């Protein structure tokens, strides 16, 4: 696996990009603001000093009020429980309920820090990008063209982004990380089974999601618990590779079979979303995962792809062949929106126009083509650029590049096969998600936003665990 990474032109290009971005970060004012030196307790950055000051103030308040003794053994301090509950229930509950659970995770972690003066924050190369995106999100919310319309959206996005730091700090041991991943897979399987049940029951779907002239044979695109088939596919792309990694590395036959069945259920559900962007993301993620496992999968994958195209049903082939066809209303709709969004950037490239549908719709009509209605730009990177300006785009791209670099380092430093496979699976999750993000705004559903930043947090936590094991 190490040789595959070192010999991969794509990986070397991403590593060079991530290295360049990190180099620019280190030279910038933002580096001094956010990033503490590794191995220091308080750190030199302003944010780090503030965090250390808050930690000490919490400890002092607990000592004075005797809360440290009163809360000893309390469930409120079981950080993993509250964090894992938020992650497990994220695709199953409504957004505000998930926010409440996420806030309980933040609160529980704060209580732990209040009782333990010696506890230090976990560090990771990814934390600076998580913090930057959070701060930029809050800033663009305050500078929004419609503060009232952006406030709820901006606060939700910022909270769910910062939740990655909770994941990094809580998952310090392999056992905790393994449990969180299994909970994600279990939750994803429940979501997938509900989607398959929708198809089996023949429920009526929203025909707005289907071009009835081009695809009259498609009567239902499942949405499960996530309200929209494209959103559902974005969520599944994050979780499927984790289930596949479980099937690859489980120690017992029962574990392998269980993981394979979970992955199969989610794959079937993804097919039933009829999401072309989801299928593209799955193909890219699967190809990356298999190549990272063994480069011999490259010729086998090419042969398999040709064979698969020969046996696919006509309905799926027609759906795939419609990609890029401007006669398809869905494709032409997106192209018009992308053109309008690019035009908007001429005026809003620096700070953006603010987070959320209300801000987008207050600006978009002035730039739209053919009076096409749109709630967002149908492209993750374009939408973040429009909403948050150039700093928001840099923070998002920095997150993806740094995650690839971090996971690559994890794979080369890991002592065991399981860690390497998990790192490859996380890389496949992010690659598939980014690929679908080119065709849709993947953060439109805030629960999917939480799951994305959870995966980023897991990637950072796995890196920390692998580095710790490498030193022992």
Protein backbone atom coordinates (compact mmCIF):
# COMPACT_ATOMS: atom_id res chain seq x y z
CA UNK A 1 0.00 0.00 0.00
CA UNK A 2 2.86 2.38 0.80
CA UNK A 3 4.39 1.75 -2.66
CA UNK A 4 1.03 2.42 -4.29
CA UNK A 5 0.77 5.78 -2.56
CA UNK A 6 4.33 6.78 -3.35
CA UNK A 7 3.91 5.78 -7.00
CA UNK A 8 0.55 7.44 -7.53
CA UNK A 9 0.65 10.61 -9.62
CA UNK A 10 -2.71 11.71 -8.23
CA UNK A 11 -1.60 11.22 -4.65
CA UNK A 12 1.67 13.03 -5.29
CA UNK A 13 -0.21 15.91 -6.89
CA UNK A 14 -2.61 16.13 -3.95
CA UNK A 15 0.30 15.89 -1.52
CA UNK A 16 2.09 18.71 -3.33
CA UNK A 17 -1.10 20.80 -3.28
CA UNK A 18 -1.64 20.14 0.42
CA UNK A 19 2.00 20.88 1.17
CA UNK A 20 1.82 24.17 -0.72
CA UNK A 21 -1.38 25.16 1.08
CA UNK A 22 0.16 24.27 4.44
CA UNK A 23 3.23 26.31 3.54
CA UNK A 24 1.12 29.34 2.69
CA UNK A 25 -0.79 28.84 5.94
CA UNK A 26 2.41 28.81 7.99
CA UNK A 27 3.48 32.12 6.44
CA UNK A 28 0.12 33.78 7.06
CA UNK A 29 -1.25 35.83 9.92
CA UNK A 30 -3.98 33.21 10.32
CA UNK A 31 -1.37 30.63 11.30
CA UNK A 32 -0.29 32.70 14.27
CA UNK A 33 -3.93 33.32 15.14
CA UNK A 34 -5.13 29.73 15.10
CA UNK A 35 -2.30 27.24 15.25
CA UNK A 36 -0.43 26.31 18.45
CA UNK A 37 3.00 24.78 18.18
CA UNK A 38 2.82 20.99 18.39
CA UNK A 39 3.73 19.55 21.72
CA UNK A 40 2.93 22.69 23.73
CA UNK A 41 0.22 22.92 26.32
CA UNK A 42 -1.18 26.39 25.80
CA UNK A 43 0.26 27.16 22.40
CA UNK A 44 1.21 30.57 21.03
CA UNK A 45 -1.83 31.23 18.87
CA UNK A 46 -4.50 33.65 20.04
CA UNK A 47 -7.25 31.05 19.73
CA UNK A 48 -5.13 28.50 21.56
CA UNK A 49 -4.38 30.93 24.40
CA UNK A 50 -8.08 31.76 24.67
CA UNK A 51 -8.94 28.05 24.83
CA UNK A 52 -6.33 27.52 27.53
CA UNK A 53 -7.71 30.49 29.48
CA UNK A 54 -11.26 29.16 29.26
CA UNK A 55 -10.02 25.75 30.39
CA UNK A 56 -8.33 27.20 33.46
CA UNK A 57 -11.39 29.35 34.27
CA UNK A 58 -13.63 26.29 34.04
CA UNK A 59 -11.36 24.35 36.36
CA UNK A 60 -11.31 27.19 38.88
CA UNK A 61 -15.11 27.52 38.77
CA UNK A 62 -15.52 23.78 39.33
CA UNK A 63 -13.15 23.84 42.28
CA UNK A 64 -14.87 26.81 43.91
CA UNK A 65 -18.39 25.43 43.45
CA UNK A 66 -17.35 21.81 44.17
CA UNK A 67 -18.91 20.74 40.90
CA UNK A 68 -15.91 18.53 40.28
CA UNK A 69 -17.03 16.33 43.16
CA UNK A 70 -20.78 16.65 42.56
CA UNK A 71 -20.46 15.51 38.93
CA UNK A 72 -18.04 12.68 39.59
CA UNK A 73 -19.34 9.58 37.81
CA UNK A 74 -22.24 11.53 36.26
CA UNK A 75 -23.58 10.57 32.83
CA UNK A 76 -23.15 14.20 31.81
CA UNK A 77 -19.41 13.57 31.58
CA UNK A 78 -19.64 10.57 29.30
CA UNK A 79 -18.44 12.47 26.25
CA UNK A 80 -18.35 9.45 23.98
CA UNK A 81 -21.97 8.60 24.76
CA UNK A 82 -23.29 12.04 23.80
CA UNK A 83 -21.04 12.39 20.78
CA UNK A 84 -21.90 8.92 19.49
CA UNK A 85 -25.61 9.47 20.12
CA UNK A 86 -25.54 12.59 17.95
CA UNK A 87 -23.71 10.76 15.15
CA UNK A 88 -25.90 7.65 15.30
CA UNK A 89 -29.19 9.57 15.31
CA UNK A 90 -28.16 12.33 12.88
CA UNK A 91 -29.76 10.73 9.79
CA UNK A 92 -32.80 9.55 11.78
CA UNK A 93 -33.95 12.71 13.61
CA UNK A 94 -34.84 16.23 12.53
CA UNK A 95 -32.14 18.88 12.35
CA UNK A 96 -32.91 20.73 15.59
CA UNK A 97 -32.99 17.50 17.59
CA UNK A 98 -29.58 16.60 16.17
CA UNK A 99 -28.33 20.08 17.09
CA UNK A 100 -29.47 19.52 20.68
CA UNK A 101 -27.52 16.25 20.84
CA UNK A 102 -24.45 17.89 19.32
CA UNK A 103 -24.62 20.67 21.91
CA UNK A 104 -24.84 18.02 24.64
CA UNK A 105 -21.61 16.60 23.20
CA UNK A 106 -19.97 20.02 23.42
CA UNK A 107 -21.30 20.51 26.95
CA UNK A 108 -20.14 17.10 28.14
CA UNK A 109 -16.64 17.74 26.83
CA UNK A 110 -16.59 21.13 28.58
CA UNK A 111 -17.54 19.44 31.87
CA UNK A 112 -14.69 16.96 31.46
CA UNK A 113 -12.23 19.78 30.90
CA UNK A 114 -13.66 21.60 33.92
CA UNK A 115 -12.89 18.61 36.16
CA UNK A 116 -9.45 17.83 34.74
CA UNK A 117 -6.91 20.64 34.84
CA UNK A 118 -4.22 18.41 33.34
CA UNK A 119 -6.23 17.40 30.26
CA UNK A 120 -4.82 18.81 27.03
CA UNK A 121 -6.57 19.44 23.74
CA UNK A 122 -5.88 16.94 20.98
CA UNK A 123 -3.98 18.42 18.06
CA UNK A 124 -4.16 17.45 14.40
CA UNK A 125 -3.12 18.99 11.06
CA UNK A 126 -6.83 19.19 10.20
CA UNK A 127 -7.91 21.28 13.18
CA UNK A 128 -6.71 24.56 11.67
CA UNK A 129 -8.95 24.06 8.63
CA UNK A 130 -11.92 23.08 10.78
CA UNK A 131 -11.46 26.21 12.88
CA UNK A 132 -10.97 28.42 9.83
CA UNK A 133 -14.12 27.15 8.14
CA UNK A 134 -16.09 27.63 11.37
CA UNK A 135 -14.88 31.21 11.84
CA UNK A 136 -15.42 32.12 8.18
CA UNK A 137 -18.94 30.66 8.36
CA UNK A 138 -19.75 32.85 11.37
CA UNK A 139 -18.20 35.89 9.71
CA UNK A 140 -20.12 35.48 6.46
CA UNK A 141 -23.30 35.06 8.49
CA UNK A 142 -22.75 38.39 10.25
CA UNK A 143 -21.91 40.08 6.91
CA UNK A 144 -24.84 38.47 5.07
CA UNK A 145 -27.03 40.46 2.74
CA UNK A 146 -29.87 39.24 4.97
CA UNK A 147 -28.73 38.66 8.53
CA UNK A 148 -32.12 37.36 9.65
CA UNK A 149 -32.23 34.90 6.77
CA UNK A 150 -28.68 33.65 7.37
CA UNK A 151 -28.47 33.55 11.16
CA UNK A 152 -30.06 30.12 11.74
CA UNK A 153 -28.26 28.54 8.78
CA UNK A 154 -24.89 29.99 9.70
CA UNK A 155 -25.07 28.96 13.35
CA UNK A 156 -26.13 25.42 12.41
CA UNK A 157 -23.30 25.03 9.91
CA UNK A 158 -20.73 26.46 12.33
CA UNK A 159 -21.88 24.19 15.16
CA UNK A 160 -21.84 21.07 13.00
CA UNK A 161 -18.43 21.98 11.57
CA UNK A 162 -16.91 22.53 15.03
CA UNK A 163 -18.37 19.16 16.11
CA UNK A 164 -15.40 17.58 14.31
CA UNK A 165 -13.20 18.89 17.13
CA UNK A 166 -15.34 16.98 19.65
CA UNK A 167 -14.83 13.81 17.60
CA UNK A 168 -11.06 14.36 17.48
CA UNK A 169 -10.79 15.06 21.20
CA UNK A 170 -13.04 12.22 22.38
CA UNK A 171 -11.76 9.47 20.05
CA UNK A 172 -8.26 9.25 21.51
CA UNK A 173 -8.16 5.47 21.73
CA UNK A 174 -8.71 2.86 19.03
CA UNK A 175 -11.59 1.26 20.92
CA UNK A 176 -13.58 4.50 20.93
CA UNK A 177 -12.90 5.11 17.26
CA UNK A 178 -13.95 1.57 16.30
CA UNK A 179 -17.21 1.92 18.21
CA UNK A 180 -18.05 5.21 16.54
CA UNK A 181 -17.42 3.79 13.08
CA UNK A 182 -19.61 0.76 13.81
CA UNK A 183 -22.40 3.02 15.05
CA UNK A 184 -22.18 5.02 11.82
CA UNK A 185 -22.42 1.83 9.76
CA UNK A 186 -25.37 0.57 11.83
CA UNK A 187 -27.20 3.87 11.44
CA UNK A 188 -26.48 3.95 7.72
CA UNK A 189 -27.87 0.43 7.38
CA UNK A 190 -31.12 1.45 9.08
CA UNK A 191 -31.44 4.43 6.74
CA UNK A 192 -30.76 2.19 3.73
CA UNK A 193 -33.26 -0.47 4.77
CA UNK A 194 -35.95 2.18 5.15
CA UNK A 195 -35.14 3.45 1.65
CA UNK A 196 -35.35 -0.07 0.20
CA UNK A 197 -38.67 -0.54 2.03
CA UNK A 198 -39.99 2.63 0.35
CA UNK A 199 -39.19 1.12 -3.04
CA UNK A 200 -40.65 -2.27 -2.11
CA UNK A 201 -43.87 -0.63 -0.92
CA UNK A 202 -44.15 1.35 -4.14
CA UNK A 203 -44.54 4.71 -2.41
CA UNK A 204 -45.20 7.73 -4.57
CA UNK A 205 -42.19 10.00 -4.88
CA UNK A 206 -41.85 13.66 -5.77
CA UNK A 207 -41.84 13.79 -9.60
CA UNK A 208 -39.92 17.09 -9.47
CA UNK A 209 -36.81 14.91 -9.03
CA UNK A 210 -37.44 13.10 -12.33
CA UNK A 211 -37.45 14.27 -15.96
CA UNK A 212 -40.67 12.48 -16.94
CA UNK A 213 -40.03 12.88 -20.66
CA UNK A 214 -36.53 11.38 -20.53
CA UNK A 215 -37.14 8.78 -17.81
CA UNK A 216 -40.79 7.82 -17.86
CA UNK A 217 -39.88 4.34 -16.57
CA UNK A 218 -38.56 5.80 -13.26
CA UNK A 219 -41.52 6.23 -10.94
CA UNK A 220 -39.74 6.50 -7.61
CA UNK A 221 -36.44 7.81 -6.32
CA UNK A 222 -36.12 6.79 -2.67
CA UNK A 223 -35.31 9.43 -0.07
CA UNK A 224 -35.48 7.42 3.19
CA UNK A 225 -35.14 9.72 6.22
CA UNK A 226 -33.27 12.50 4.42
CA UNK A 227 -36.10 14.09 2.40
CA UNK A 228 -34.29 14.07 -0.96
CA UNK A 229 -32.71 11.26 -3.04
CA UNK A 230 -29.57 13.27 -3.85
CA UNK A 231 -29.06 14.13 -0.18
CA UNK A 232 -29.55 10.45 0.69
CA UNK A 233 -26.88 9.42 -1.81
CA UNK A 234 -24.46 12.02 -0.39
CA UNK A 235 -24.92 10.54 3.06
CA UNK A 236 -24.50 6.96 1.85
CA UNK A 237 -21.27 7.82 0.04
CA UNK A 238 -19.74 8.78 3.38
CA UNK A 239 -20.71 5.54 5.12
CA UNK A 240 -20.48 2.78 2.49
CA UNK A 241 -16.64 2.71 2.40
CA UNK A 242 -16.54 2.32 6.20
CA UNK A 243 -18.76 -0.77 5.94
CA UNK A 244 -16.59 -2.10 3.10
CA UNK A 245 -13.50 -1.62 5.27
CA UNK A 246 -15.21 -3.60 8.03
CA UNK A 247 -15.90 -6.47 5.64
CA UNK A 248 -12.25 -6.39 4.59
CA UNK A 249 -10.71 -6.34 8.08
CA UNK A 250 -13.16 -8.02 10.47
CA UNK A 251 -11.45 -10.75 12.45
CA UNK A 252 -14.37 -13.19 12.46
CA UNK A 253 -16.41 -14.60 9.61
CA UNK A 254 -19.56 -13.34 11.31
CA UNK A 255 -18.13 -9.82 11.39
CA UNK A 256 -17.16 -9.97 7.72
CA UNK A 257 -20.63 -11.18 6.71
CA UNK A 258 -22.38 -8.56 8.85
CA UNK A 259 -20.27 -5.74 7.37
CA UNK A 260 -20.77 -7.04 3.84
CA UNK A 261 -24.55 -7.18 4.33
CA UNK A 262 -24.56 -3.61 5.68
CA UNK A 263 -22.53 -2.42 2.70
CA UNK A 264 -24.84 -4.32 0.33
CA UNK A 265 -27.98 -2.76 1.80
CA UNK A 266 -26.50 0.73 1.45
CA UNK A 267 -25.34 0.03 -2.11
CA UNK A 268 -28.82 -1.13 -3.09
CA UNK A 269 -30.36 1.96 -1.54
CA UNK A 270 -27.86 4.17 -3.39
CA UNK A 271 -28.88 2.57 -6.68
CA UNK A 272 -32.54 3.20 -5.86
CA UNK A 273 -31.90 6.92 -5.38
CA UNK A 274 -31.28 7.08 -9.15
CA UNK A 275 -28.74 9.81 -8.37
CA UNK A 276 -26.24 10.10 -11.22
CA UNK A 277 -23.94 12.19 -9.04
CA UNK A 278 -24.19 9.53 -6.35
CA UNK A 279 -23.31 6.79 -8.82
CA UNK A 280 -20.35 8.82 -10.06
CA UNK A 281 -19.17 9.38 -6.50
CA UNK A 282 -19.53 5.66 -5.76
CA UNK A 283 -17.48 4.72 -8.83
CA UNK A 284 -14.69 7.15 -7.92
CA UNK A 285 -14.67 6.16 -4.25
CA UNK A 286 -14.71 2.43 -5.03
CA UNK A 287 -11.94 2.76 -7.62
CA UNK A 288 -9.75 4.71 -5.19
CA UNK A 289 -10.36 2.23 -2.37
CA UNK A 290 -9.55 -0.82 -4.49
CA UNK A 291 -6.42 0.72 -5.99
CA UNK A 292 -5.16 1.67 -2.54
CA UNK A 293 -5.73 -1.89 -1.41
CA UNK A 294 -3.83 -3.46 -4.32
CA UNK A 295 -2.72 -1.98 -7.64
CA UNK A 296 -3.61 -5.29 -9.30
CA UNK A 297 -7.21 -4.14 -9.03
CA UNK A 298 -6.53 -1.59 -11.81
CA UNK A 299 -6.75 -4.03 -14.78
CA UNK A 300 -9.38 -6.09 -12.98
CA UNK A 301 -11.42 -2.94 -12.39
CA UNK A 302 -11.27 -1.95 -16.06
CA UNK A 303 -12.42 -5.41 -17.14
CA UNK A 304 -15.12 -5.39 -14.47
CA UNK A 305 -16.38 -1.95 -15.53
CA UNK A 306 -16.73 -3.06 -19.14
CA UNK A 307 -18.49 -6.24 -18.07
CA UNK A 308 -20.80 -4.32 -15.75
CA UNK A 309 -21.83 -1.95 -18.53
CA UNK A 310 -22.76 -4.96 -20.64
CA UNK A 311 -25.18 -6.39 -18.05
CA UNK A 312 -26.69 -3.25 -16.54
CA UNK A 313 -30.46 -2.82 -17.07
CA UNK A 314 -31.48 -0.43 -19.85
CA UNK A 315 -33.05 1.98 -17.36
CA UNK A 316 -29.75 2.43 -15.49
CA UNK A 317 -27.76 2.69 -18.73
CA UNK A 318 -30.12 5.39 -20.00
CA UNK A 319 -29.70 7.29 -16.74
CA UNK A 320 -25.90 7.07 -16.96
CA UNK A 321 -25.78 8.08 -20.62
CA UNK A 322 -27.82 11.20 -19.86
CA UNK A 323 -24.90 12.71 -17.92
CA UNK A 324 -23.89 15.87 -19.77
CA UNK A 325 -26.93 15.75 -22.07
CA UNK A 326 -28.34 19.28 -22.13
CA UNK A 327 -31.65 18.00 -23.47
CA UNK A 328 -32.16 16.48 -20.02
CA UNK A 329 -33.97 19.11 -17.93
CA UNK A 330 -31.96 18.28 -14.80
CA UNK A 331 -28.64 18.80 -16.58
CA UNK A 332 -29.63 22.01 -18.35
CA UNK A 333 -31.14 23.31 -15.10
CA UNK A 334 -27.79 22.88 -13.33
CA UNK A 335 -25.80 24.46 -16.16
CA UNK A 336 -27.93 27.61 -16.07
CA UNK A 337 -27.53 27.84 -12.29
CA UNK A 338 -23.75 27.34 -12.49
CA UNK A 339 -23.49 30.12 -15.06
CA UNK A 340 -25.50 32.47 -12.85
CA UNK A 341 -23.46 31.54 -9.79
CA UNK A 342 -20.20 32.28 -11.59
CA UNK A 343 -21.62 35.67 -12.54
CA UNK A 344 -22.47 36.32 -8.88
CA UNK A 345 -18.85 35.73 -7.92
CA UNK A 346 -17.77 38.80 -9.85
CA UNK A 347 -19.48 40.88 -7.16
CA UNK A 348 -19.27 38.61 -4.10
CA UNK A 349 -15.95 36.75 -4.44
CA UNK A 350 -14.29 38.42 -1.47
CA UNK A 351 -16.71 37.92 1.45
CA UNK A 352 -19.68 36.14 -0.14
CA UNK A 353 -23.30 37.08 0.30
CA UNK A 354 -24.05 34.97 3.39
CA UNK A 355 -25.17 31.48 4.32
CA UNK A 356 -28.46 29.84 3.44
CA UNK A 357 -31.27 29.75 0.93
CA UNK A 358 -32.64 33.16 1.89
CA UNK A 359 -29.34 34.91 1.16
CA UNK A 360 -28.91 33.00 -2.12
CA UNK A 361 -32.40 33.79 -3.33
CA UNK A 362 -32.09 37.47 -2.44
CA UNK A 363 -29.14 37.77 -4.84
CA UNK A 364 -29.64 35.03 -7.44
CA UNK A 365 -32.62 36.50 -9.39
CA UNK A 366 -30.46 39.42 -10.56
CA UNK A 367 -28.06 37.01 -12.27
CA UNK A 368 -30.32 34.10 -13.27
CA UNK A 369 -30.76 32.85 -16.83
CA UNK A 370 -34.20 32.13 -18.27
CA UNK A 371 -35.78 32.94 -14.88
CA UNK A 372 -34.64 29.52 -13.56
CA UNK A 373 -35.55 29.14 -9.87
CA UNK A 374 -32.87 27.70 -7.58
CA UNK A 375 -32.42 27.31 -3.81
CA UNK A 376 -28.62 26.95 -4.24
CA UNK A 377 -25.96 26.59 -6.92
CA UNK A 378 -26.02 22.75 -7.11
CA UNK A 379 -22.25 22.59 -6.60
CA UNK A 380 -20.63 22.30 -3.18
CA UNK A 381 -17.49 24.27 -3.96
CA UNK A 382 -19.26 26.95 -6.00
CA UNK A 383 -21.88 27.41 -3.30
CA UNK A 384 -19.30 27.73 -0.51
CA UNK A 385 -17.41 30.27 -2.64
CA UNK A 386 -20.60 32.28 -3.20
CA UNK A 387 -21.72 32.15 0.42
CA UNK A 388 -18.42 32.55 2.26
CA UNK A 389 -16.11 34.20 -0.25
CA UNK A 390 -12.57 33.24 -1.13
CA UNK A 391 -11.60 32.34 2.45
CA UNK A 392 -14.47 29.88 2.68
CA UNK A 393 -13.38 28.15 -0.52
CA UNK A 394 -9.75 28.03 0.68
CA UNK A 395 -10.86 26.52 4.00
CA UNK A 396 -12.92 23.82 2.28
CA UNK A 397 -10.24 22.96 -0.28
CA UNK A 398 -7.66 23.02 2.50
CA UNK A 399 -9.78 20.55 4.46
CA UNK A 400 -9.95 18.09 1.55
CA UNK A 401 -6.25 18.40 0.64
CA UNK A 402 -5.10 18.19 4.25
CA UNK A 403 -7.36 15.18 4.86
CA UNK A 404 -5.80 13.35 1.89
CA UNK A 405 -2.31 14.20 3.13
CA UNK A 406 -3.15 13.21 6.71
CA UNK A 407 -4.70 9.89 5.68
CA UNK A 408 -1.77 9.18 3.38
CA UNK A 409 0.61 9.70 6.30
CA UNK A 410 -1.60 7.45 8.39
CA UNK A 411 -1.37 4.65 5.82
CA UNK A 412 2.42 4.86 5.56
CA UNK A 413 2.99 5.10 9.32
CA UNK A 414 0.44 2.48 10.44
CA UNK A 415 1.76 -0.75 11.88
CA UNK A 416 -1.33 -2.83 11.17
CA UNK A 417 -3.45 -3.62 8.15
CA UNK A 418 -6.70 -2.54 9.81
CA UNK A 419 -5.54 1.07 10.22
CA UNK A 420 -4.35 1.24 6.61
CA UNK A 421 -7.66 -0.11 5.31
CA UNK A 422 -9.64 2.33 7.47
CA UNK A 423 -7.54 5.23 6.20
CA UNK A 424 -8.14 4.11 2.61
CA UNK A 425 -11.89 3.87 3.30
CA UNK A 426 -11.98 7.38 4.75
CA UNK A 427 -10.13 8.67 1.70
CA UNK A 428 -12.70 6.95 -0.52
CA UNK A 429 -15.55 8.49 1.51
CA UNK A 430 -14.19 12.00 1.05
CA UNK A 431 -13.38 11.43 -2.64
CA UNK A 432 -16.87 10.14 -3.41
CA UNK A 433 -18.47 12.97 -1.45
CA UNK A 434 -16.36 15.57 -3.27
CA UNK A 435 -17.24 14.02 -6.64
CA UNK A 436 -20.98 14.26 -6.00
CA UNK A 437 -20.37 17.73 -4.58
CA UNK A 438 -19.47 18.82 -8.10
CA UNK A 439 -23.07 18.19 -9.16
CA UNK A 440 -24.99 19.18 -6.02
CA UNK A 441 -24.71 21.30 -2.89
CA UNK A 442 -23.94 18.58 -0.38
CA UNK A 443 -24.26 20.88 2.67
CA UNK A 444 -27.87 21.79 1.85
CA UNK A 445 -28.99 19.24 4.44
CA UNK A 446 -27.39 20.09 7.78
CA UNK A 447 -27.46 16.50 9.00
CA UNK A 448 -25.25 15.55 6.06
CA UNK A 449 -23.02 18.51 6.97
CA UNK A 450 -22.59 17.01 10.44
CA UNK A 451 -21.76 13.59 8.98
CA UNK A 452 -19.16 15.05 6.63
CA UNK A 453 -17.34 16.86 9.43
CA UNK A 454 -17.63 13.73 11.59
CA UNK A 455 -15.75 11.80 8.88
CA UNK A 456 -13.13 14.58 8.82
CA UNK A 457 -12.85 14.27 12.62
CA UNK A 458 -12.49 10.49 12.39
CA UNK A 459 -9.70 10.93 9.82
CA UNK A 460 -7.84 13.25 12.19
CA UNK A 461 -8.40 10.93 15.17
CA UNK A 462 -7.17 7.90 13.22
CA UNK A 463 -4.02 9.84 12.32
CA UNK A 464 -3.37 10.69 15.97
CA UNK A 465 -3.88 7.06 17.02
CA UNK A 466 -1.60 5.75 14.25
CA UNK A 467 1.15 8.26 15.17
CA UNK A 468 0.88 7.30 18.85
CA UNK A 469 1.11 3.59 18.01
CA UNK A 470 4.08 4.24 15.71
CA UNK A 471 5.97 5.87 18.58
CA UNK A 472 5.48 2.92 20.92
